[in-house]
């Protein structure tokens, strides 16, 4: 995870923060950035705990993606098992 940007939070909702994740991905052996929108309500977890978007910075994550006309959108984000929460 290169960067997290939080644009809005509503702590009264599960998945209470919206923003973007900028991750590094490898394509054809080359590293490049991938920016993914994280809508309000997207489940974000570390182990069995729900976490807020800003806690993902610097972690290795698994993102379930979908796409729309504006690019990649996260449907769920989970911190990789080997990362501490």
Protein backbone atom coordinates (compact mmCIF):
# COMPACT_ATOMS: atom_id res chain seq x y z
CA UNK A 1 0.00 0.00 0.00
CA UNK A 2 1.57 3.25 -1.09
CA UNK A 3 -1.02 5.73 0.14
CA UNK A 4 -4.48 6.04 1.65
CA UNK A 5 -6.60 9.13 1.25
CA UNK A 6 -9.70 9.55 3.38
CA UNK A 7 -12.29 11.89 1.89
CA UNK A 8 -15.23 11.33 4.26
CA UNK A 9 -15.96 9.42 7.47
CA UNK A 10 -19.23 8.54 9.18
CA UNK A 11 -18.40 6.47 12.26
CA UNK A 12 -22.04 5.53 12.73
CA UNK A 13 -21.81 3.15 9.74
CA UNK A 14 -19.89 -0.08 9.20
CA UNK A 15 -17.22 0.66 6.61
CA UNK A 16 -17.53 4.22 7.83
CA UNK A 17 -14.85 5.89 5.71
CA UNK A 18 -14.61 6.66 2.02
CA UNK A 19 -11.56 7.60 0.00
CA UNK A 20 -8.90 6.03 -2.19
CA UNK A 21 -6.14 3.46 -1.91
CA UNK A 22 -3.05 3.78 -4.08
CA UNK A 23 -1.37 0.42 -4.35
CA UNK A 24 1.55 -1.01 -6.24
CA UNK A 25 0.77 -3.73 -8.76
CA UNK A 26 3.00 -5.69 -11.06
CA UNK A 27 2.15 -6.01 -14.73
CA UNK A 28 4.54 -7.72 -17.12
CA UNK A 29 7.24 -7.64 -14.44
CA UNK A 30 6.99 -3.88 -13.98
CA UNK A 31 5.64 -2.13 -10.88
CA UNK A 32 3.08 0.61 -11.30
CA UNK A 33 0.46 2.41 -9.23
CA UNK A 34 -3.21 1.44 -9.11
CA UNK A 35 -5.66 3.83 -7.49
CA UNK A 36 -8.88 2.26 -6.18
CA UNK A 37 -11.92 4.18 -4.95
CA UNK A 38 -13.30 3.00 -1.61
CA UNK A 39 -16.97 4.01 -1.28
CA UNK A 40 -18.65 4.63 2.07
CA UNK A 41 -19.88 1.29 3.42
CA UNK A 42 -17.06 -0.84 1.96
CA UNK A 43 -16.17 -3.58 4.47
CA UNK A 44 -12.57 -3.13 5.68
CA UNK A 45 -11.16 -5.75 8.04
CA UNK A 46 -8.04 -6.94 9.80
CA UNK A 47 -8.51 -10.46 11.10
CA UNK A 48 -11.93 -10.50 12.73
CA UNK A 49 -11.94 -6.75 13.42
CA UNK A 50 -13.40 -3.96 11.32
CA UNK A 51 -10.89 -1.15 10.78
CA UNK A 52 -11.03 2.34 9.30
CA UNK A 53 -9.45 3.20 5.97
CA UNK A 54 -6.56 5.23 7.41
CA UNK A 55 -5.27 2.16 9.32
CA UNK A 56 -4.39 0.45 6.03
CA UNK A 57 -1.46 2.75 5.19
CA UNK A 58 1.72 0.71 4.80
CA UNK A 59 -0.07 -2.65 5.12
CA UNK A 60 -0.33 -5.46 2.60
CA UNK A 61 -3.98 -5.80 1.66
CA UNK A 62 -6.26 -7.99 -0.42
CA UNK A 63 -8.85 -5.96 -2.33
CA UNK A 64 -11.94 -7.37 -3.99
CA UNK A 65 -12.44 -5.13 -7.01
CA UNK A 66 -15.11 -4.18 -9.44
CA UNK A 67 -14.90 -1.47 -12.04
CA UNK A 68 -17.14 1.20 -13.43
CA UNK A 69 -16.72 3.90 -16.06
CA UNK A 70 -14.55 5.89 -13.63
CA UNK A 71 -12.06 3.11 -12.83
CA UNK A 72 -11.51 0.53 -10.10
CA UNK A 73 -13.81 0.36 -7.07
CA UNK A 74 -13.23 -1.69 -3.90
CA UNK A 75 -16.03 -4.01 -2.82
CA UNK A 76 -14.07 -5.27 0.21
CA UNK A 77 -10.61 -4.74 1.71
CA UNK A 78 -8.80 -7.10 4.06
CA UNK A 79 -5.36 -6.79 5.63
CA UNK A 80 -3.22 -9.76 4.57
CA UNK A 81 -2.95 -12.52 7.15
CA UNK A 82 0.74 -12.03 7.84
CA UNK A 83 0.32 -8.34 8.74
CA UNK A 84 -0.30 -7.22 12.34
CA UNK A 85 -3.52 -5.33 12.94
